[in-house]
Protein backbone atom coordinates (compact mmCIF):
# COMPACT_ATOMS: atom_id res chain seq x y z
CA MET A 1 212.05 15.42 -1.47
CA PHE A 2 210.43 13.43 1.34
CA ASN A 3 212.82 14.94 3.89
CA LYS A 4 211.27 18.33 3.15
CA ILE A 5 207.75 17.20 3.99
CA ARG A 6 207.22 17.82 7.68
CA ASN A 7 204.62 16.29 9.96
CA ILE A 8 203.45 13.80 7.37
CA ILE A 9 203.78 10.08 7.75
CA PHE A 10 204.17 8.06 4.59
CA THR A 11 204.49 4.30 4.60
CA PHE A 12 204.12 1.26 2.44
CA SER A 13 202.08 -1.65 3.72
CA PHE A 14 204.56 -4.07 2.20
CA ALA A 15 207.31 -2.81 4.51
CA PHE A 16 208.79 -5.65 6.51
CA VAL A 17 209.30 -3.73 9.73
CA SER A 18 206.91 -2.13 12.14
CA SER A 19 206.47 -1.48 15.81
CA CYS A 20 203.23 -3.45 15.82
CA GLY A 21 200.97 -4.78 13.13
CA VAL A 22 199.30 -7.89 11.90
CA THR A 23 200.00 -10.38 9.19
CA GLU A 24 197.96 -13.16 7.73
CA TYR A 25 198.81 -16.27 9.71
CA ILE A 26 199.52 -18.72 6.92
CA THR A 27 199.06 -18.17 3.22
CA ASN A 28 200.38 -19.75 0.07
CA SER A 29 199.37 -17.01 -2.35
CA GLU A 30 201.94 -15.72 -4.82
CA ASP A 31 200.57 -12.26 -4.03
CA SER A 32 201.12 -12.45 -0.30
CA ALA A 33 203.83 -11.59 2.17
CA PRO A 34 204.27 -11.74 5.93
CA GLU A 35 203.87 -8.05 6.49
CA LEU A 36 203.80 -6.06 9.60
CA ASN A 37 201.45 -3.33 8.54
CA ALA A 38 203.26 -0.13 9.26
CA ASP A 39 200.56 2.00 7.70
CA LEU A 40 197.94 0.69 10.10
CA ASP A 41 200.24 1.49 12.99
CA LEU A 42 200.36 5.05 11.74
CA GLU A 43 196.61 5.32 11.39
CA LEU A 44 196.38 4.17 14.98
CA LYS A 45 199.23 6.40 16.13
CA SER A 46 197.66 9.44 14.48
CA ALA A 47 194.84 9.20 16.98
CA GLU A 48 197.39 9.62 19.77
CA ASP A 49 199.82 12.16 18.27
CA ASP A 50 198.80 15.61 17.03
CA ARG A 51 202.09 16.03 15.13
CA VAL A 52 200.69 13.74 12.43
CA SER A 53 198.91 15.90 9.85
CA LYS A 54 198.24 13.41 7.03
CA ILE A 55 197.99 9.66 6.68
CA VAL A 56 198.68 7.54 3.62
CA SER A 57 197.95 3.84 3.73
CA TRP A 58 198.66 1.35 0.99
CA ALA A 59 196.79 -1.97 0.75
CA SER A 60 195.91 -2.03 4.46
CA PRO A 61 193.53 -4.45 6.11
CA SER A 62 190.51 -2.88 7.77
CA ASP A 63 190.71 -5.17 10.78
CA PHE A 64 193.82 -7.07 11.63
CA ILE A 65 192.64 -8.73 14.84
CA ASN A 66 190.38 -10.99 12.78
CA ARG A 67 193.46 -12.08 10.79
CA LEU A 68 194.98 -13.76 13.83
CA PRO A 69 194.88 -17.56 13.79
CA ASP A 70 191.80 -19.51 14.82
CA LYS A 71 191.57 -21.29 18.16
CA GLU A 72 193.26 -24.54 17.07
CA LYS A 73 196.20 -22.88 15.32
CA ARG A 74 196.51 -20.43 18.20
CA LYS A 75 196.82 -23.28 20.72
CA ASN A 76 199.67 -24.77 18.72
CA TRP A 77 201.27 -21.34 18.37
CA GLN A 78 201.11 -20.83 22.14
CA ARG A 79 202.49 -24.31 22.82
CA THR A 80 205.46 -23.93 20.47
CA ASN A 81 205.83 -20.14 20.95
CA ILE A 82 206.45 -19.76 17.21
CA ALA A 83 204.50 -19.95 13.97
CA TYR A 84 205.81 -19.61 10.46
CA VAL A 85 204.21 -17.41 7.85
CA TYR A 86 204.89 -18.36 4.27
CA ASN A 87 205.96 -15.53 1.94
CA GLY A 88 204.70 -16.48 -1.50
CA ARG A 89 207.10 -14.14 -3.30
CA THR A 90 210.37 -14.98 -1.54
CA LYS A 91 209.40 -18.59 -0.74
CA GLN A 92 210.52 -18.08 2.86
CA ASN A 93 208.87 -19.19 6.08
CA MET A 94 209.01 -16.13 8.33
CA PRO A 95 208.93 -16.66 12.11
CA MET A 96 206.24 -15.02 14.23
CA TYR A 97 206.46 -15.42 17.99
CA TYR A 98 203.47 -15.88 20.29
CA GLN A 99 204.38 -12.63 22.04
CA PHE A 100 202.90 -10.87 19.00
CA TYR A 101 199.46 -12.34 19.77
CA GLU A 102 199.78 -11.44 23.45
CA ASN A 103 200.67 -7.85 22.56
CA CYS A 104 197.67 -7.60 20.24
CA MET A 105 195.32 -8.87 22.94
CA ALA A 106 196.81 -6.50 25.53
CA ASN A 107 196.19 -3.55 23.19
CA LEU A 108 192.83 -4.41 21.64
CA ASP A 109 191.35 -0.96 22.23
CA ARG A 110 194.37 0.83 20.76
CA LEU A 111 194.34 -1.50 17.75
CA ASN A 112 190.70 -0.92 16.86
CA ILE A 113 190.98 0.33 13.26
CA LYS A 114 187.27 1.07 12.94
CA LYS A 115 187.28 3.27 16.05
CA VAL A 116 190.39 5.14 14.93
CA LEU A 117 189.09 5.74 11.41
CA GLN A 118 185.74 6.96 12.69
CA SER A 119 187.45 9.58 14.82
CA LEU A 120 190.24 10.51 12.38
CA LYS A 121 190.29 14.29 11.84
CA ILE A 122 193.21 14.60 9.43
CA PRO A 123 193.38 13.92 5.68
CA HIS A 124 193.72 10.24 4.84
CA LEU A 125 194.55 8.65 1.49
CA HIS A 126 194.11 4.92 1.09
CA VAL A 127 195.65 3.34 -2.04
CA HIS A 128 194.61 -0.19 -2.96
CA GLY A 129 194.93 -2.54 -5.94
CA SER A 130 191.73 -3.99 -7.34
CA SER A 131 193.42 -7.41 -7.76
CA ASP A 132 195.00 -7.58 -4.30
CA LYS A 133 194.77 -11.19 -3.09
CA SER A 134 196.46 -10.58 0.27
CA VAL A 135 194.11 -7.83 1.43
CA LEU A 136 190.94 -7.96 -0.61
CA ILE A 137 189.54 -4.76 -2.12
CA ASP A 138 186.47 -5.11 0.14
CA GLU A 139 188.68 -4.03 3.04
CA ALA A 140 189.50 -0.77 1.24
CA TYR A 141 185.79 -0.09 0.84
CA GLN A 142 185.30 -0.86 4.54
CA ILE A 143 187.97 1.73 5.43
CA LYS A 144 186.15 4.28 3.28
CA LYS A 145 182.82 3.35 4.86
CA TRP A 146 184.20 4.02 8.35
CA ASN A 147 185.58 7.42 7.36
CA LYS A 148 183.75 9.20 4.55
CA ALA A 149 186.57 11.79 4.36
CA THR A 150 189.12 9.10 3.46
CA PHE A 151 190.14 9.48 -0.16
CA LEU A 152 190.20 6.06 -1.77
CA HIS A 153 192.46 5.57 -4.81
CA ILE A 154 191.92 2.19 -6.48
CA ILE A 155 194.53 1.08 -9.01
CA LYS A 156 192.85 -1.17 -11.54
CA GLU A 157 194.31 -4.69 -11.74
CA ALA A 158 197.11 -3.88 -9.25
CA ASN A 159 198.18 -6.57 -6.80
CA HIS A 160 199.11 -6.16 -3.13
CA VAL A 161 202.57 -4.75 -3.87
CA PHE A 162 201.56 -2.74 -6.94
CA GLY A 163 203.62 -4.90 -9.29
CA SER A 164 206.76 -4.61 -7.20
CA PHE A 165 208.79 -7.29 -5.45
CA HIS A 166 211.46 -7.71 -2.78
CA PRO A 167 214.33 -7.21 -3.10
CA TYR A 168 213.74 -4.55 -5.75
CA ASN A 169 216.70 -4.07 -8.08
CA LEU A 170 215.32 -2.42 -11.22
CA MET A 171 216.02 1.14 -12.38
CA SER A 172 212.37 2.08 -12.88
CA PHE A 173 209.13 1.37 -11.04
CA PRO A 174 206.38 -0.91 -12.33
CA LYS A 175 203.44 1.16 -13.69
CA ASP A 176 201.13 0.35 -10.74
CA LEU A 177 203.76 1.25 -8.16
CA LYS A 178 204.56 4.46 -10.05
CA ASN A 179 200.84 5.28 -10.05
CA ALA A 180 200.68 4.75 -6.27
CA ILE A 181 203.82 6.85 -5.68
CA ASP A 182 202.75 9.70 -7.96
CA PHE A 183 199.24 9.83 -6.50
CA THR A 184 200.65 9.76 -2.96
CA ILE A 185 203.12 12.56 -3.65
CA SER A 186 200.33 14.67 -5.13
CA PHE A 187 198.19 14.05 -2.04
CA LEU A 188 201.05 14.94 0.30
CA LYS A 189 201.77 18.18 -1.55
CA THR A 190 198.20 19.47 -1.17
């Protein structure tokens, strides 16, 4: 079905790959993961590519530059060239190289979420769980504040991954994830 939808970008913020993005530096939350926020990349990319006709973001931060480590942690990161981000679900320490920080700083203007959202001219759906501990619900409200046309769908009591986990091996989706998927498909069909 998704192959038939043209010129629409659809991503999940809990994807583990992305061309650029930001993760929380260190966290021990059970509801957290070292994500590279693909959906934010697409919000940013939509400002540069007129082939994008709709944006869907799931559980995205409103500003990922402020999630980069503070001065002291950043010094250590630069010195060692690597930092580890703890994934509370998989119990893994995921490597993040200092090059990531350098790329963010070199592209500050392009990575300005507020600026992009304020100028966004295409339909945007933002889905967020009210119990997200990785990206607090306040960030979803900030996204909406910056772009009044953004449709905000809050899933009551949902966590950052909408009740899912990685690797996913069940035959049906958790109710919160199903809610997010169904609402997203409906938005994309309109």
